[in-house]
Amino acid sequence: MSILKNQRIIALLVALLAVFQVSACSRATHAADSSNAGASMDDQILYYTNKFRQSKGLKPLQLDATISQQARRHSRDMANGSTGFGHEGFEERVANVSKKMGRVASAAENVAYGTLDAEAVVNGWIKSPGHRKNMLGDYTLIGIGTADKGRITFFTQVFIKQ
């Protein structure tokens, strides 16, 4: 098996593990911090992600519209069933970012779904070793996208270092 195929299998297994962990999180709605009240779901996910990074002494990630467009598209595709839940097409998303922004030195992705708010999904990722590693990685930019299918929300974070 090629290294890339092994990496895809590992990424899929980590994503499946995260589904169970994220889905098991409290389904109750958490009140957002008062500084986050009224913010969009994407902005709230950014807030909680950066709050976690800063608690570990890391610089905050900057939200990027080009990367977010790719993340939104992936969440939408998972929600409408045109792609399965997971990281299918990740390399293509990174290539699309690279075409618009220039060389990408490294990239990672977190996905989840459920009846979760921003704080719960970020907490689910924090509890998952692979997703936590991505959140604490040496990245400077992030794209965030969500899509709803009924009461279920699909979430995607794409991390980039140029």
Protein backbone atom coordinates (compact mmCIF):
# COMPACT_ATOMS: atom_id res chain seq x y z
CA MET A 1 0.00 0.00 0.00
CA SER A 2 1.24 3.50 -0.74
CA ILE A 3 1.98 5.94 2.04
CA LEU A 4 -0.76 8.26 0.77
CA LYS A 5 -3.30 5.41 0.84
CA ASN A 6 -2.20 4.51 4.39
CA GLN A 7 -2.58 8.14 5.43
CA ARG A 8 -6.09 8.24 3.97
CA ILE A 9 -7.07 5.08 5.83
CA ILE A 10 -5.67 6.46 9.08
CA ALA A 11 -7.44 9.78 8.53
CA LEU A 12 -10.72 7.98 7.89
CA LEU A 13 -10.33 5.90 11.05
CA VAL A 14 -9.57 9.01 13.09
CA ALA A 15 -12.61 10.73 11.58
CA LEU A 16 -14.83 7.77 12.43
CA LEU A 17 -13.50 7.72 15.98
CA ALA A 18 -14.24 11.42 16.24
CA VAL A 19 -17.81 10.86 15.07
CA PHE A 20 -18.40 8.61 18.03
CA GLN A 21 -16.64 10.97 20.41
CA VAL A 22 -18.22 14.14 19.04
CA SER A 23 -21.64 12.54 18.74
CA ALA A 24 -21.39 11.41 22.36
CA CYS A 25 -20.88 14.97 23.57
CA SER A 26 -23.70 16.67 25.36
CA ARG A 27 -26.49 17.52 22.97
CA ALA A 28 -27.65 20.35 25.16
CA THR A 29 -27.07 23.81 23.84
CA HIS A 30 -24.26 25.56 25.66
CA ALA A 31 -24.40 29.28 26.22
CA ALA A 32 -21.64 31.00 24.28
CA ASP A 33 -19.30 33.34 26.13
CA SER A 34 -20.82 36.81 26.26
CA SER A 35 -18.06 38.09 23.93
CA ASN A 36 -19.28 35.55 21.37
CA ALA A 37 -23.03 36.20 21.60
CA GLY A 38 -24.66 36.77 18.22
CA ALA A 39 -21.62 35.56 16.26
CA SER A 40 -22.05 33.13 13.37
CA MET A 41 -21.40 29.43 13.94
CA ASP A 42 -18.11 29.74 12.00
CA ASP A 43 -17.01 32.70 14.12
CA GLN A 44 -17.88 30.81 17.30
CA ILE A 45 -15.88 27.75 16.16
CA LEU A 46 -12.94 30.04 15.43
CA TYR A 47 -13.32 31.61 18.87
CA TYR A 48 -13.29 28.29 20.74
CA THR A 49 -10.49 26.89 18.58
CA ASN A 50 -8.29 29.92 19.23
CA LYS A 51 -9.21 29.96 22.91
CA PHE A 52 -7.93 26.37 23.13
CA ARG A 53 -4.76 27.18 21.16
CA GLN A 54 -4.04 30.21 23.33
CA SER A 55 -4.48 28.10 26.48
CA LYS A 56 -1.56 26.05 25.17
CA GLY A 57 0.57 29.13 24.42
CA LEU A 58 -0.04 29.09 20.66
CA LYS A 59 -0.85 32.01 18.41
CA PRO A 60 -4.42 32.33 17.16
CA LEU A 61 -5.32 31.14 13.68
CA GLN A 62 -6.53 33.69 11.15
CA LEU A 63 -9.82 32.91 9.40
CA ASP A 64 -9.37 32.95 5.63
CA ALA A 65 -12.24 33.34 3.14
CA THR A 66 -10.64 31.18 0.42
CA ILE A 67 -10.03 28.29 2.81
CA SER A 68 -13.48 28.73 4.36
CA GLN A 69 -15.04 28.43 0.91
CA GLN A 70 -13.44 24.99 0.55
CA ALA A 71 -14.53 23.98 4.08
CA ARG A 72 -18.12 25.13 3.44
CA ARG A 73 -18.24 23.23 0.15
CA HIS A 74 -17.05 20.04 1.86
CA SER A 75 -19.60 20.37 4.68
CA ARG A 76 -22.34 21.01 2.12
CA ASP A 77 -21.26 17.98 0.05
CA MET A 78 -21.32 15.75 3.15
CA ALA A 79 -24.73 17.11 4.16
CA ASN A 80 -26.30 16.53 0.75
CA GLY A 81 -24.68 13.11 0.35
CA SER A 82 -22.62 13.91 -2.75
CA THR A 83 -19.58 12.82 -0.73
CA GLY A 84 -19.38 10.53 2.26
CA PHE A 85 -18.60 11.72 5.74
CA GLY A 86 -14.84 12.04 6.11
CA HIS A 87 -11.88 13.47 4.29
CA GLU A 88 -12.64 12.41 0.73
CA GLY A 89 -11.32 15.10 -1.63
CA PHE A 90 -8.98 16.64 0.96
CA GLU A 91 -6.04 16.79 -1.46
CA GLU A 92 -8.28 18.53 -4.01
CA ARG A 93 -9.38 21.11 -1.43
CA VAL A 94 -5.75 21.85 -0.57
CA ALA A 95 -4.87 22.08 -4.29
CA ASN A 96 -7.73 24.57 -4.79
CA VAL A 97 -6.42 26.68 -1.91
CA SER A 98 -2.91 26.51 -3.36
CA LYS A 99 -4.14 27.67 -6.79
CA LYS A 100 -5.63 30.80 -5.23
CA MET A 101 -3.16 31.51 -2.42
CA GLY A 102 0.15 30.06 -3.53
CA ARG A 103 2.24 27.28 -2.07
CA VAL A 104 0.80 25.36 0.87
CA ALA A 105 3.55 23.96 3.13
CA SER A 106 1.20 21.83 5.24
CA ALA A 107 -2.50 21.23 5.74
CA ALA A 108 -4.89 19.26 7.93
CA GLU A 109 -8.62 18.88 8.31
CA ASN A 110 -11.16 18.15 11.03
CA VAL A 111 -14.72 17.06 10.32
CA ALA A 112 -17.66 16.22 12.54
CA TYR A 113 -21.43 16.08 12.49
CA GLY A 114 -24.24 16.07 14.97
CA THR A 115 -26.72 18.22 16.81
CA LEU A 116 -23.92 20.27 18.31
CA ASP A 117 -23.20 23.90 18.93
CA ALA A 118 -19.79 25.47 18.31
CA GLU A 119 -18.42 24.85 21.79
CA ALA A 120 -19.51 21.20 21.80
CA VAL A 121 -17.98 20.40 18.41
CA VAL A 122 -14.68 22.06 19.35
CA ASN A 123 -14.67 20.19 22.68
CA GLY A 124 -15.27 16.95 20.77
CA TRP A 125 -12.28 17.65 18.54
CA ILE A 126 -10.16 18.50 21.59
CA LYS A 127 -11.00 15.09 23.10
CA SER A 128 -9.98 13.26 19.91
CA PRO A 129 -6.17 12.84 19.73
CA GLY A 130 -5.93 13.24 15.93
CA HIS A 131 -8.20 16.27 15.79
CA ARG A 132 -6.51 17.81 18.83
CA LYS A 133 -3.15 17.42 17.08
CA ASN A 134 -4.52 19.31 14.07
CA MET A 135 -5.85 22.10 16.28
CA LEU A 136 -2.47 22.46 18.00
CA GLY A 137 -0.47 22.09 14.78
CA ASP A 138 1.95 24.58 13.29
CA TYR A 139 -0.67 26.32 11.17
CA THR A 140 -1.40 30.01 10.70
CA LEU A 141 -4.66 30.01 8.73
CA ILE A 142 -7.99 28.25 9.10
CA GLY A 143 -11.09 27.82 7.03
CA ILE A 144 -14.35 26.85 8.68
CA GLY A 145 -17.55 25.72 7.08
CA THR A 146 -20.83 24.25 8.25
CA ALA A 147 -23.91 22.90 6.52
CA ASP A 148 -27.21 21.73 7.93
CA LYS A 149 -29.26 18.71 6.94
CA GLY A 150 -32.39 18.96 9.00
CA ARG A 151 -31.31 19.12 12.63
CA ILE A 152 -27.85 17.68 11.89
CA THR A 153 -24.93 20.02 11.23
CA PHE A 154 -21.81 18.99 9.31
CA PHE A 155 -18.62 20.78 10.35
CA THR A 156 -15.28 21.19 8.57
CA GLN A 157 -12.08 22.92 9.68
CA VAL A 158 -9.18 23.19 7.22
CA PHE A 159 -5.80 24.20 8.66
CA ILE A 160 -3.12 25.70 6.40
CA LYS A 161 0.47 26.82 6.75
CA GLN A 162 1.93 28.57 3.74
